[in-house]
Amino acid sequence: RQLEWFDDHPAEKLVVKAPLDPVLQTIGERVQEGKE
């Protein structure tokens, strides 16, 4: 629902849903890659 507000945003989109571990792991990987 939150990401629907930013459909036109060019960023990579990660959807938060249960279970949380996969998305948290991906967030950590993107931070390690130097992504904003």
Full PDB file with SEQRES, HELIX, SHEET, SSBOND, CRYST1, ORIGX, SCALE, CONECT and MASTER records, all heavy atoms in Angstrom:
SEQRES   1 A   36  ARG GLN LEU GLU TRP PHE ASP ASP HIS PRO ALA GLU LYS          
SEQRES   2 A   36  LEU VAL VAL LYS ALA PRO LEU ASP PRO VAL LEU GLN THR          
SEQRES   3 A   36  ILE GLY GLU ARG VAL GLN GLU GLY LYS GLU                      
HELIX    1 AA1 LEU A    3  PHE A    6  5                                   4    
HELIX    2 AA2 ASP A   21  GLN A   32  1                                  12    
CRYST1    1.000    1.000    1.000  90.00  90.00  90.00 P 1           1          
ORIGX1      1.000000  0.000000  0.000000        0.00000                         
ORIGX2      0.000000  1.000000  0.000000        0.00000                         
ORIGX3      0.000000  0.000000  1.000000        0.00000                         
SCALE1      1.000000  0.000000  0.000000        0.00000                         
SCALE2      0.000000  1.000000  0.000000        0.00000                         
SCALE3      0.000000  0.000000  1.000000        0.00000                         
ATOM      1  N   ARG A   1       0.832  -1.210   0.000  1.00  0.00           N  
ATOM      2  CA  ARG A   1       0.000   0.000   0.000  1.00  0.00           C  
ATOM      3  C   ARG A   1       0.864   1.257   0.000  1.00  0.00           C  
ATOM      4  O   ARG A   1       0.532   2.247  -0.663  1.00  0.00           O  
ATOM      5  CB  ARG A   1      -0.935  -0.020   1.209  1.00  0.00           C  
ATOM      6  CG  ARG A   1      -1.954   1.103   1.231  1.00  0.00           C  
ATOM      7  CD  ARG A   1      -3.068   0.787   2.224  1.00  0.00           C  
ATOM      8  NE  ARG A   1      -2.559   0.567   3.572  1.00  0.00           N  
ATOM      9  CZ  ARG A   1      -2.361   1.543   4.464  1.00  0.00           C  
ATOM     10  NH1 ARG A   1      -2.636   2.792   4.131  1.00  0.00           N  
ATOM     11  NH2 ARG A   1      -1.904   1.273   5.666  1.00  0.00           N  
ATOM     12  N   GLN A   2       1.973   1.231   0.737  1.00  0.00           N  
ATOM     13  CA  GLN A   2       2.850   2.406   0.778  1.00  0.00           C  
ATOM     14  C   GLN A   2       3.570   2.604  -0.564  1.00  0.00           C  
ATOM     15  O   GLN A   2       3.705   3.735  -1.052  1.00  0.00           O  
ATOM     16  CB  GLN A   2       3.882   2.255   1.904  1.00  0.00           C  
ATOM     17  CG  GLN A   2       3.309   2.410   3.305  1.00  0.00           C  
ATOM     18  CD  GLN A   2       2.493   1.211   3.741  1.00  0.00           C  
ATOM     19  OE1 GLN A   2       2.869   0.061   3.458  1.00  0.00           O  
ATOM     20  NE2 GLN A   2       1.371   1.446   4.396  1.00  0.00           N  
ATOM     21  N   LEU A   3       4.022   1.505  -1.168  1.00  0.00           N  
ATOM     22  CA  LEU A   3       4.762   1.623  -2.427  1.00  0.00           C  
ATOM     23  C   LEU A   3       3.879   2.074  -3.582  1.00  0.00           C  
ATOM     24  O   LEU A   3       4.384   2.606  -4.583  1.00  0.00           O  
ATOM     25  CB  LEU A   3       5.439   0.293  -2.760  1.00  0.00           C  
ATOM     26  CG  LEU A   3       6.590  -0.131  -1.833  1.00  0.00           C  
ATOM     27  CD1 LEU A   3       7.146  -1.489  -2.247  1.00  0.00           C  
ATOM     28  CD2 LEU A   3       7.701   0.916  -1.833  1.00  0.00           C  
ATOM     29  N   GLU A   4       2.559   1.882  -3.472  1.00  0.00           N  
ATOM     30  CA  GLU A   4       1.651   2.354  -4.531  1.00  0.00           C  
ATOM     31  C   GLU A   4       1.740   3.863  -4.725  1.00  0.00           C  
ATOM     32  O   GLU A   4       1.469   4.369  -5.820  1.00  0.00           O  
ATOM     33  CB  GLU A   4       0.213   1.970  -4.187  1.00  0.00           C  
ATOM     34  CG  GLU A   4      -0.090   0.484  -4.369  1.00  0.00           C  
ATOM     35  CD  GLU A   4      -1.491   0.128  -3.941  1.00  0.00           C  
ATOM     36  OE1 GLU A   4      -2.232   1.044  -3.502  1.00  0.00           O  
ATOM     37  OE2 GLU A   4      -1.863  -1.064  -4.017  1.00  0.00           O  
ATOM     38  N   TRP A   5       2.101   4.570  -3.673  1.00  0.00           N  
ATOM     39  CA  TRP A   5       2.246   6.024  -3.795  1.00  0.00           C  
ATOM     40  C   TRP A   5       3.443   6.419  -4.652  1.00  0.00           C  
ATOM     41  O   TRP A   5       3.541   7.570  -5.107  1.00  0.00           O  
ATOM     42  CB  TRP A   5       2.395   6.645  -2.408  1.00  0.00           C  
ATOM     43  CG  TRP A   5       1.113   6.752  -1.652  1.00  0.00           C  
ATOM     44  CD1 TRP A   5       0.556   5.827  -0.828  1.00  0.00           C  
ATOM     45  CD2 TRP A   5       0.209   7.856  -1.669  1.00  0.00           C  
ATOM     46  NE1 TRP A   5      -0.636   6.267  -0.326  1.00  0.00           N  
ATOM     47  CE2 TRP A   5      -0.876   7.527  -0.823  1.00  0.00           C  
ATOM     48  CE3 TRP A   5       0.206   9.100  -2.315  1.00  0.00           C  
ATOM     49  CZ2 TRP A   5      -1.945   8.381  -0.606  1.00  0.00           C  
ATOM     50  CZ3 TRP A   5      -0.854   9.958  -2.090  1.00  0.00           C  
ATOM     51  CH2 TRP A   5      -1.920   9.592  -1.246  1.00  0.00           C  
ATOM     52  N   PHE A   6       4.346   5.474  -4.894  1.00  0.00           N  
ATOM     53  CA  PHE A   6       5.588   5.806  -5.593  1.00  0.00           C  
ATOM     54  C   PHE A   6       5.795   4.913  -6.816  1.00  0.00           C  
ATOM     55  O   PHE A   6       6.918   4.489  -7.113  1.00  0.00           O  
ATOM     56  CB  PHE A   6       6.770   5.677  -4.624  1.00  0.00           C  
ATOM     57  CG  PHE A   6       6.580   6.459  -3.351  1.00  0.00           C  
ATOM     58  CD1 PHE A   6       6.206   5.814  -2.173  1.00  0.00           C  
ATOM     59  CD2 PHE A   6       6.746   7.838  -3.331  1.00  0.00           C  
ATOM     60  CE1 PHE A   6       6.017   6.527  -1.004  1.00  0.00           C  
ATOM     61  CE2 PHE A   6       6.557   8.566  -2.173  1.00  0.00           C  
ATOM     62  CZ  PHE A   6       6.185   7.914  -1.009  1.00  0.00           C  
ATOM     63  N   ASP A   7       4.687   4.636  -7.525  1.00  0.00           N  
ATOM     64  CA  ASP A   7       4.760   3.781  -8.713  1.00  0.00           C  
ATOM     65  C   ASP A   7       5.736   4.316  -9.756  1.00  0.00           C  
ATOM     66  O   ASP A   7       6.395   3.544 -10.462  1.00  0.00           O  
ATOM     67  CB  ASP A   7       3.368   3.647  -9.348  1.00  0.00           C  
ATOM     68  CG  ASP A   7       2.514   2.604  -8.640  1.00  0.00           C  
ATOM     69  OD1 ASP A   7       3.100   1.778  -7.918  1.00  0.00           O  
ATOM     70  OD2 ASP A   7       1.283   2.633  -8.789  1.00  0.00           O  
ATOM     71  N   ASP A   8       5.815   5.626  -9.887  1.00  0.00           N  
ATOM     72  CA  ASP A   8       6.654   6.237 -10.931  1.00  0.00           C  
ATOM     73  C   ASP A   8       8.105   6.400 -10.495  1.00  0.00           C  
ATOM     74  O   ASP A   8       8.934   6.855 -11.296  1.00  0.00           O  
ATOM     75  CB  ASP A   8       6.086   7.610 -11.315  1.00  0.00           C  
ATOM     76  CG  ASP A   8       4.690   7.502 -11.933  1.00  0.00           C  
ATOM     77  OD1 ASP A   8       4.394   6.434 -12.504  1.00  0.00           O  
ATOM     78  OD2 ASP A   8       3.907   8.463 -11.825  1.00  0.00           O  
ATOM     79  N   HIS A   9       8.405   6.065  -9.271  1.00  0.00           N  
ATOM     80  CA  HIS A   9       9.776   6.229  -8.784  1.00  0.00           C  
ATOM     81  C   HIS A   9      10.672   5.179  -9.449  1.00  0.00           C  
ATOM     82  O   HIS A   9      10.324   3.999  -9.508  1.00  0.00           O  
ATOM     83  CB  HIS A   9       9.812   6.063  -7.265  1.00  0.00           C  
ATOM     84  CG  HIS A   9      11.041   6.615  -6.617  1.00  0.00           C  
ATOM     85  ND1 HIS A   9      12.303   6.103  -6.833  1.00  0.00           N  
ATOM     86  CD2 HIS A   9      11.207   7.659  -5.746  1.00  0.00           C  
ATOM     87  CE1 HIS A   9      13.190   6.790  -6.132  1.00  0.00           C  
ATOM     88  NE2 HIS A   9      12.549   7.743  -5.458  1.00  0.00           N  
ATOM     89  N   PRO A  10      11.848   5.587  -9.957  1.00  0.00           N  
ATOM     90  CA  PRO A  10      12.705   4.639 -10.693  1.00  0.00           C  
ATOM     91  C   PRO A  10      13.475   3.665  -9.804  1.00  0.00           C  
ATOM     92  O   PRO A  10      14.127   2.742 -10.323  1.00  0.00           O  
ATOM     93  CB  PRO A  10      13.683   5.572 -11.426  1.00  0.00           C  
ATOM     94  CG  PRO A  10      13.762   6.791 -10.558  1.00  0.00           C  
ATOM     95  CD  PRO A  10      12.396   6.963  -9.974  1.00  0.00           C  
ATOM     96  N   ALA A  11      13.410   3.814  -8.508  1.00  0.00           N  
ATOM     97  CA  ALA A  11      14.196   2.955  -7.611  1.00  0.00           C  
ATOM     98  C   ALA A  11      13.739   1.503  -7.681  1.00  0.00           C  
ATOM     99  O   ALA A  11      12.599   1.197  -8.056  1.00  0.00           O  
ATOM    100  CB  ALA A  11      14.079   3.460  -6.171  1.00  0.00           C  
ATOM    101  N   GLU A  12      14.645   0.600  -7.301  1.00  0.00           N  
ATOM    102  CA  GLU A  12      14.278  -0.792  -7.103  1.00  0.00           C  
ATOM    103  C   GLU A  12      13.291  -0.860  -5.942  1.00  0.00           C  
ATOM    104  O   GLU A  12      13.480  -0.228  -4.906  1.00  0.00           O  
ATOM    105  CB  GLU A  12      15.513  -1.625  -6.789  1.00  0.00           C  
ATOM    106  CG  GLU A  12      15.215  -3.083  -6.475  1.00  0.00           C  
ATOM    107  CD  GLU A  12      16.432  -3.847  -5.982  1.00  0.00           C  
ATOM    108  OE1 GLU A  12      17.512  -3.241  -5.841  1.00  0.00           O  
ATOM    109  OE2 GLU A  12      16.286  -5.062  -5.715  1.00  0.00           O  
ATOM    110  N   LYS A  13      12.235  -1.644  -6.091  1.00  0.00           N  
ATOM    111  CA  LYS A  13      11.205  -1.740  -5.051  1.00  0.00           C  
ATOM    112  C   LYS A  13      11.326  -3.087  -4.325  1.00  0.00           C  
ATOM    113  O   LYS A  13      11.410  -4.142  -4.956  1.00  0.00           O  
ATOM    114  CB  LYS A  13       9.793  -1.622  -5.657  1.00  0.00           C  
ATOM    115  CG  LYS A  13       9.582  -0.410  -6.573  1.00  0.00           C  
ATOM    116  CD  LYS A  13       9.549   0.864  -5.815  1.00  0.00           C  
ATOM    117  CE  LYS A  13       9.072   2.055  -6.622  1.00  0.00           C  
ATOM    118  NZ  LYS A  13       8.938   2.000  -8.046  1.00  0.00           N  
ATOM    119  N   LEU A  14      11.319  -3.020  -3.003  1.00  0.00           N  
ATOM    120  CA  LEU A  14      11.299  -4.211  -2.168  1.00  0.00           C  
ATOM    121  C   LEU A  14      10.052  -4.156  -1.306  1.00  0.00           C  
ATOM    122  O   LEU A  14       9.853  -3.191  -0.550  1.00  0.00           O  
ATOM    123  CB  LEU A  14      12.536  -4.278  -1.271  1.00  0.00           C  
ATOM    124  CG  LEU A  14      13.904  -4.373  -1.945  1.00  0.00           C  
ATOM    125  CD1 LEU A  14      15.010  -4.394  -0.891  1.00  0.00           C  
ATOM    126  CD2 LEU A  14      13.990  -5.625  -2.817  1.00  0.00           C  
ATOM    127  N   VAL A  15       9.203  -5.192  -1.408  1.00  0.00           N  
ATOM    128  CA  VAL A  15       7.950  -5.216  -0.664  1.00  0.00           C  
ATOM    129  C   VAL A  15       8.168  -5.875   0.694  1.00  0.00           C  
ATOM    130  O   VAL A  15       8.726  -6.977   0.789  1.00  0.00           O  
ATOM    131  CB  VAL A  15       6.854  -5.975  -1.441  1.00  0.00           C  
ATOM    132  CG1 VAL A  15       5.560  -6.035  -0.631  1.00  0.00           C  
ATOM    133  CG2 VAL A  15       6.603  -5.312  -2.794  1.00  0.00           C  
ATOM    134  N   VAL A  16       7.727  -5.199   1.744  1.00  0.00           N  
ATOM    135  CA  VAL A  16       7.808  -5.743   3.100  1.00  0.00           C  
ATOM    136  C   VAL A  16       6.593  -6.649   3.338  1.00  0.00           C  
ATOM    137  O   VAL A  16       5.449  -6.203   3.253  1.00  0.00           O  
ATOM    138  CB  VAL A  16       7.831  -4.623   4.153  1.00  0.00           C  
ATOM    139  CG1 VAL A  16       7.770  -5.211   5.565  1.00  0.00           C  
ATOM    140  CG2 VAL A  16       9.071  -3.766   3.982  1.00  0.00           C  
ATOM    141  N   LYS A  17       6.855  -7.917   3.627  1.00  0.00           N  
ATOM    142  CA  LYS A  17       5.788  -8.865   3.937  1.00  0.00           C  
ATOM    143  C   LYS A  17       6.380  -9.990   4.777  1.00  0.00           C  
ATOM    144  O   LYS A  17       7.602 -10.187   4.817  1.00  0.00           O  
ATOM    145  CB  LYS A  17       5.141  -9.419   2.667  1.00  0.00           C  
ATOM    146  CG  LYS A  17       6.104 -10.109   1.717  1.00  0.00           C  
ATOM    147  CD  LYS A  17       5.400 -10.555   0.446  1.00  0.00           C  
ATOM    148  CE  LYS A  17       6.387 -11.199  -0.526  1.00  0.00           C  
ATOM    149  NZ  LYS A  17       5.715 -11.619  -1.782  1.00  0.00           N  
ATOM    150  N   ALA A  18       5.505 -10.709   5.461  1.00  0.00           N  
ATOM    151  CA  ALA A  18       5.960 -11.821   6.295  1.00  0.00           C  
ATOM    152  C   ALA A  18       6.327 -13.014   5.418  1.00  0.00           C  
ATOM    153  O   ALA A  18       5.676 -13.259   4.395  1.00  0.00           O  
ATOM    154  CB  ALA A  18       4.866 -12.203   7.285  1.00  0.00           C  
ATOM    155  N   PRO A  19       7.378 -13.754   5.784  1.00  0.00           N  
ATOM    156  CA  PRO A  19       8.324 -13.472   6.872  1.00  0.00           C  
ATOM    157  C   PRO A  19       9.288 -12.353   6.491  1.00  0.00           C  
ATOM    158  O   PRO A  19       9.557 -12.128   5.308  1.00  0.00           O  
ATOM    159  CB  PRO A  19       9.049 -14.807   7.052  1.00  0.00           C  
ATOM    160  CG  PRO A  19       9.004 -15.432   5.688  1.00  0.00           C  
ATOM    161  CD  PRO A  19       7.695 -15.017   5.079  1.00  0.00           C  
ATOM    162  N   LEU A  20       9.816 -11.651   7.507  1.00  0.00           N  
ATOM    163  CA  LEU A  20      10.616 -10.460   7.249  1.00  0.00           C  
ATOM    164  C   LEU A  20      12.066 -10.762   6.892  1.00  0.00           C  
ATOM    165  O   LEU A  20      12.737  -9.926   6.279  1.00  0.00           O  
ATOM    166  CB  LEU A  20      10.585  -9.545   8.474  1.00  0.00           C  
ATOM    167  CG  LEU A  20       9.281  -8.801   8.748  1.00  0.00           C  
ATOM    168  CD1 LEU A  20       9.418  -7.970  10.020  1.00  0.00           C  
ATOM    169  CD2 LEU A  20       8.914  -7.910   7.579  1.00  0.00           C  
ATOM    170  N   ASP A  21      12.568 -11.927   7.284  1.00  0.00           N  
ATOM    171  CA  ASP A  21      14.001 -12.195   7.095  1.00  0.00           C  
ATOM    172  C   ASP A  21      14.494 -11.997   5.657  1.00  0.00           C  
ATOM    173  O   ASP A  21      15.555 -11.396   5.444  1.00  0.00           O  
ATOM    174  CB  ASP A  21      14.341 -13.603   7.568  1.00  0.00           C  
ATOM    175  CG  ASP A  21      14.648 -13.640   9.068  1.00  0.00           C  
ATOM    176  OD1 ASP A  21      14.834 -12.556   9.652  1.00  0.00           O  
ATOM    177  OD2 ASP A  21      14.686 -14.736   9.647  1.00  0.00           O  
ATOM    178  N   PRO A  22      13.772 -12.489   4.626  1.00  0.00           N  
ATOM    179  CA  PRO A  22      14.287 -12.299   3.262  1.00  0.00           C  
ATOM    180  C   PRO A  22      14.453 -10.830   2.878  1.00  0.00           C  
ATOM    181  O   PRO A  22      15.483 -10.454   2.297  1.00  0.00           O  
ATOM    182  CB  PRO A  22      13.219 -12.989   2.394  1.00  0.00           C  
ATOM    183  CG  PRO A  22      12.620 -14.017   3.291  1.00  0.00           C  
ATOM    184  CD  PRO A  22      12.591 -13.383   4.641  1.00  0.00           C  
ATOM    185  N   VAL A  23      13.473  -9.983   3.192  1.00  0.00           N  
ATOM    186  CA  VAL A  23      13.598  -8.577   2.806  1.00  0.00           C  
ATOM    187  C   VAL A  23      14.668  -7.884   3.640  1.00  0.00           C  
ATOM    188  O   VAL A  23      15.398  -7.018   3.138  1.00  0.00           O  
ATOM    189  CB  VAL A  23      12.243  -7.841   2.895  1.00  0.00           C  
ATOM    190  CG1 VAL A  23      11.809  -7.639   4.344  1.00  0.00           C  
ATOM    191  CG2 VAL A  23      12.308  -6.498   2.171  1.00  0.00           C  
ATOM    192  N   LEU A  24      14.818  -8.260   4.908  1.00  0.00           N  
ATOM    193  CA  LEU A  24      15.881  -7.669   5.729  1.00  0.00           C  
ATOM    194  C   LEU A  24      17.248  -8.054   5.201  1.00  0.00           C  
ATOM    195  O   LEU A  24      18.181  -7.238   5.180  1.00  0.00           O  
ATOM    196  CB  LEU A  24      15.723  -8.104   7.183  1.00  0.00           C  
ATOM    197  CG  LEU A  24      14.487  -7.599   7.928  1.00  0.00           C  
ATOM    198  CD1 LEU A  24      14.410  -8.228   9.316  1.00  0.00           C  
ATOM    199  CD2 LEU A  24      14.496  -6.079   8.037  1.00  0.00           C  
ATOM    200  N   GLN A  25      17.379  -9.292   4.762  1.00  0.00           N  
ATOM    201  CA  GLN A  25      18.650  -9.742   4.195  1.00  0.00           C  
ATOM    202  C   GLN A  25      18.975  -8.961   2.924  1.00  0.00           C  
ATOM    203  O   GLN A  25      20.119  -8.524   2.719  1.00  0.00           O  
ATOM    204  CB  GLN A  25      18.597 -11.241   3.907  1.00  0.00           C  
ATOM    205  CG  GLN A  25      19.911 -11.791   3.348  1.00  0.00           C  
ATOM    206  CD  GLN A  25      19.879 -13.296   3.172  1.00  0.00           C  
ATOM    207  OE1 GLN A  25      19.061 -13.980   3.788  1.00  0.00           O  
ATOM    208  NE2 GLN A  25      20.765 -13.824   2.339  1.00  0.00           N  
ATOM    209  N   THR A  26      17.961  -8.754   2.076  1.00  0.00           N  
ATOM    210  CA  THR A  26      18.181  -8.003   0.836  1.00  0.00           C  
ATOM    211  C   THR A  26      18.536  -6.549   1.138  1.00  0.00           C  
ATOM    212  O   THR A  26      19.397  -5.954   0.467  1.00  0.00           O  
ATOM    213  CB  THR A  26      16.922  -8.058  -0.047  1.00  0.00           C  
ATOM    214  OG1 THR A  26      16.576  -9.421  -0.292  1.00  0.00           O  
ATOM    215  CG2 THR A  26      17.163  -7.363  -1.381  1.00  0.00           C  
ATOM    216  N   ILE A  27      17.894  -5.957   2.141  1.00  0.00           N  
ATOM    217  CA  ILE A  27      18.252  -4.593   2.536  1.00  0.00           C  
ATOM    218  C   ILE A  27      19.725  -4.520   2.923  1.00  0.00           C  
ATOM    219  O   ILE A  27      20.456  -3.616   2.506  1.00  0.00           O  
ATOM    220  CB  ILE A  27      17.361  -4.130   3.714  1.00  0.00           C  
ATOM    221  CG1 ILE A  27      15.927  -3.873   3.230  1.00  0.00           C  
ATOM    222  CG2 ILE A  27      17.926  -2.866   4.359  1.00  0.00           C  
ATOM    223  CD1 ILE A  27      14.946  -3.591   4.346  1.00  0.00           C  
ATOM    224  N   GLY A  28      20.172  -5.497   3.730  1.00  0.00           N  
ATOM    225  CA  GLY A  28      21.578  -5.515   4.129  1.00  0.00           C  
ATOM    226  C   GLY A  28      22.508  -5.638   2.942  1.00  0.00           C  
ATOM    227  O   GLY A  28      23.564  -4.989   2.885  1.00  0.00           O  
ATOM    228  N   GLU A  29      22.120  -6.456   1.963  1.00  0.00           N  
ATOM    229  CA  GLU A  29      22.955  -6.623   0.765  1.00  0.00           C  
ATOM    230  C   GLU A  29      23.044  -5.325  -0.031  1.00  0.00           C  
ATOM    231  O   GLU A  29      24.126  -4.947  -0.517  1.00  0.00           O  
ATOM    232  CB  GLU A  29      22.373  -7.738  -0.100  1.00  0.00           C  
ATOM    233  CG  GLU A  29      22.486  -9.122   0.536  1.00  0.00           C  
ATOM    234  CD  GLU A  29      21.696 -10.178  -0.231  1.00  0.00           C  
ATOM    235  OE1 GLU A  29      20.998  -9.803  -1.210  1.00  0.00           O  
ATOM    236  OE2 GLU A  29      21.756 -11.359   0.149  1.00  0.00           O  
ATOM    237  N   ARG A  30      21.917  -4.625  -0.156  1.00  0.00           N  
ATOM    238  CA  ARG A  30      21.926  -3.371  -0.932  1.00  0.00           C  
ATOM    239  C   ARG A  30      22.759  -2.295  -0.226  1.00  0.00           C  
ATOM    240  O   ARG A  30      23.426  -1.487  -0.880  1.00  0.00           O  
ATOM    241  CB  ARG A  30      20.500  -2.871  -1.135  1.00  0.00           C  
ATOM    242  CG  ARG A  30      19.620  -3.801  -1.951  1.00  0.00           C  
ATOM    243  CD  ARG A  30      20.166  -4.008  -3.367  1.00  0.00           C  
ATOM    244  NE  ARG A  30      19.267  -4.858  -4.142  1.00  0.00           N  
ATOM    245  CZ  ARG A  30      19.406  -6.175  -4.248  1.00  0.00           C  
ATOM    246  NH1 ARG A  30      20.404  -6.778  -3.613  1.00  0.00           N  
ATOM    247  NH2 ARG A  30      18.562  -6.880  -4.975  1.00  0.00           N  
ATOM    248  N   VAL A  31      22.707  -2.293   1.083  1.00  0.00           N  
ATOM    249  CA  VAL A  31      23.538  -1.339   1.830  1.00  0.00           C  
ATOM    250  C   VAL A  31      25.010  -1.655   1.599  1.00  0.00           C  
ATOM    251  O   VAL A  31      25.836  -0.746   1.381  1.00  0.00           O  
ATOM    252  CB  VAL A  31      23.194  -1.382   3.335  1.00  0.00           C  
ATOM    253  CG1 VAL A  31      24.209  -0.576   4.142  1.00  0.00           C  
ATOM    254  CG2 VAL A  31      21.795  -0.848   3.586  1.00  0.00           C  
ATOM    255  N   GLN A  32      25.376  -2.947   1.627  1.00  0.00           N  
ATOM    256  CA  GLN A  32      26.763  -3.349   1.383  1.00  0.00           C  
ATOM    257  C   GLN A  32      27.218  -2.961  -0.018  1.00  0.00           C  
ATOM    258  O   GLN A  32      28.404  -2.673  -0.249  1.00  0.00           O  
ATOM    259  CB  GLN A  32      26.905  -4.860   1.585  1.00  0.00           C  
ATOM    260  CG  GLN A  32      26.778  -5.325   3.035  1.00  0.00           C  
ATOM    261  CD  GLN A  32      27.906  -4.792   3.911  1.00  0.00           C  
ATOM    262  OE1 GLN A  32      29.065  -4.751   3.499  1.00  0.00           O  
ATOM    263  NE2 GLN A  32      27.551  -4.361   5.113  1.00  0.00           N  
ATOM    264  N   GLU A  33      26.275  -2.938  -0.946  1.00  0.00           N  
ATOM    265  CA  GLU A  33      26.595  -2.542  -2.324  1.00  0.00           C  
ATOM    266  C   GLU A  33      26.730  -1.022  -2.477  1.00  0.00           C  
ATOM    267  O   GLU A  33      27.050  -0.539  -3.561  1.00  0.00           O  
ATOM    268  CB  GLU A  33      25.498  -3.049  -3.264  1.00  0.00           C  
ATOM    269  CG  GLU A  33      25.428  -4.568  -3.368  1.00  0.00           C  
ATOM    270  CD  GLU A  33      24.148  -5.052  -4.053  1.00  0.00           C  
ATOM    271  OE1 GLU A  33      23.359  -4.192  -4.518  1.00  0.00           O  
ATOM    272  OE2 GLU A  33      23.932  -6.275  -4.095  1.00  0.00           O  
ATOM    273  N   GLY A  34      26.461  -0.295  -1.386  1.00  0.00           N  
ATOM    274  CA  GLY A  34      26.578   1.159  -1.445  1.00  0.00           C  
ATOM    275  C   GLY A  34      25.336   1.842  -1.972  1.00  0.00           C  
ATOM    276  O   GLY A  34      25.384   3.043  -2.298  1.00  0.00           O  
ATOM    277  N   LYS A  35      24.213   1.151  -2.037  1.00  0.00           N  
ATOM    278  CA  LYS A  35      22.979   1.737  -2.552  1.00  0.00           C  
ATOM    279  C   LYS A  35      22.311   2.620  -1.481  1.00  0.00           C  
ATOM    280  O   LYS A  35      22.458   2.395  -0.285  1.00  0.00           O  
ATOM    281  CB  LYS A  35      21.996   0.633  -2.960  1.00  0.00           C  
ATOM    282  CG  LYS A  35      22.486  -0.282  -4.066  1.00  0.00           C  
ATOM    283  CD  LYS A  35      22.479   0.438  -5.406  1.00  0.00           C  
ATOM    284  CE  LYS A  35      22.916  -0.488  -6.549  1.00  0.00           C  
ATOM    285  NZ  LYS A  35      21.979  -1.589  -6.776  1.00  0.00           N  
ATOM    286  N   GLU A  36      21.590   3.628  -1.938  1.00  0.00           N  
ATOM    287  CA  GLU A  36      20.814   4.508  -1.072  1.00  0.00           C  
ATOM    288  C   GLU A  36      19.469   3.818  -0.787  1.00  0.00           C  
ATOM    289  O   GLU A  36      18.582   3.752  -1.645  1.00  0.00           O  
ATOM    290  CB  GLU A  36      20.579   5.855  -1.749  1.00  0.00           C  
ATOM    291  CG  GLU A  36      19.904   6.887  -0.886  1.00  0.00           C  
ATOM    292  CD  GLU A  36      20.853   7.561   0.087  1.00  0.00           C  
ATOM    293  OE1 GLU A  36      22.071   7.290   0.043  1.00  0.00           O  
ATOM    294  OE2 GLU A  36      20.365   8.354   0.900  1.00  0.00           O  
TER     295      GLU A  36                                                      
MASTER        0    0    0    2    0    0    0    6  294    1    0    3          
END                                                                             
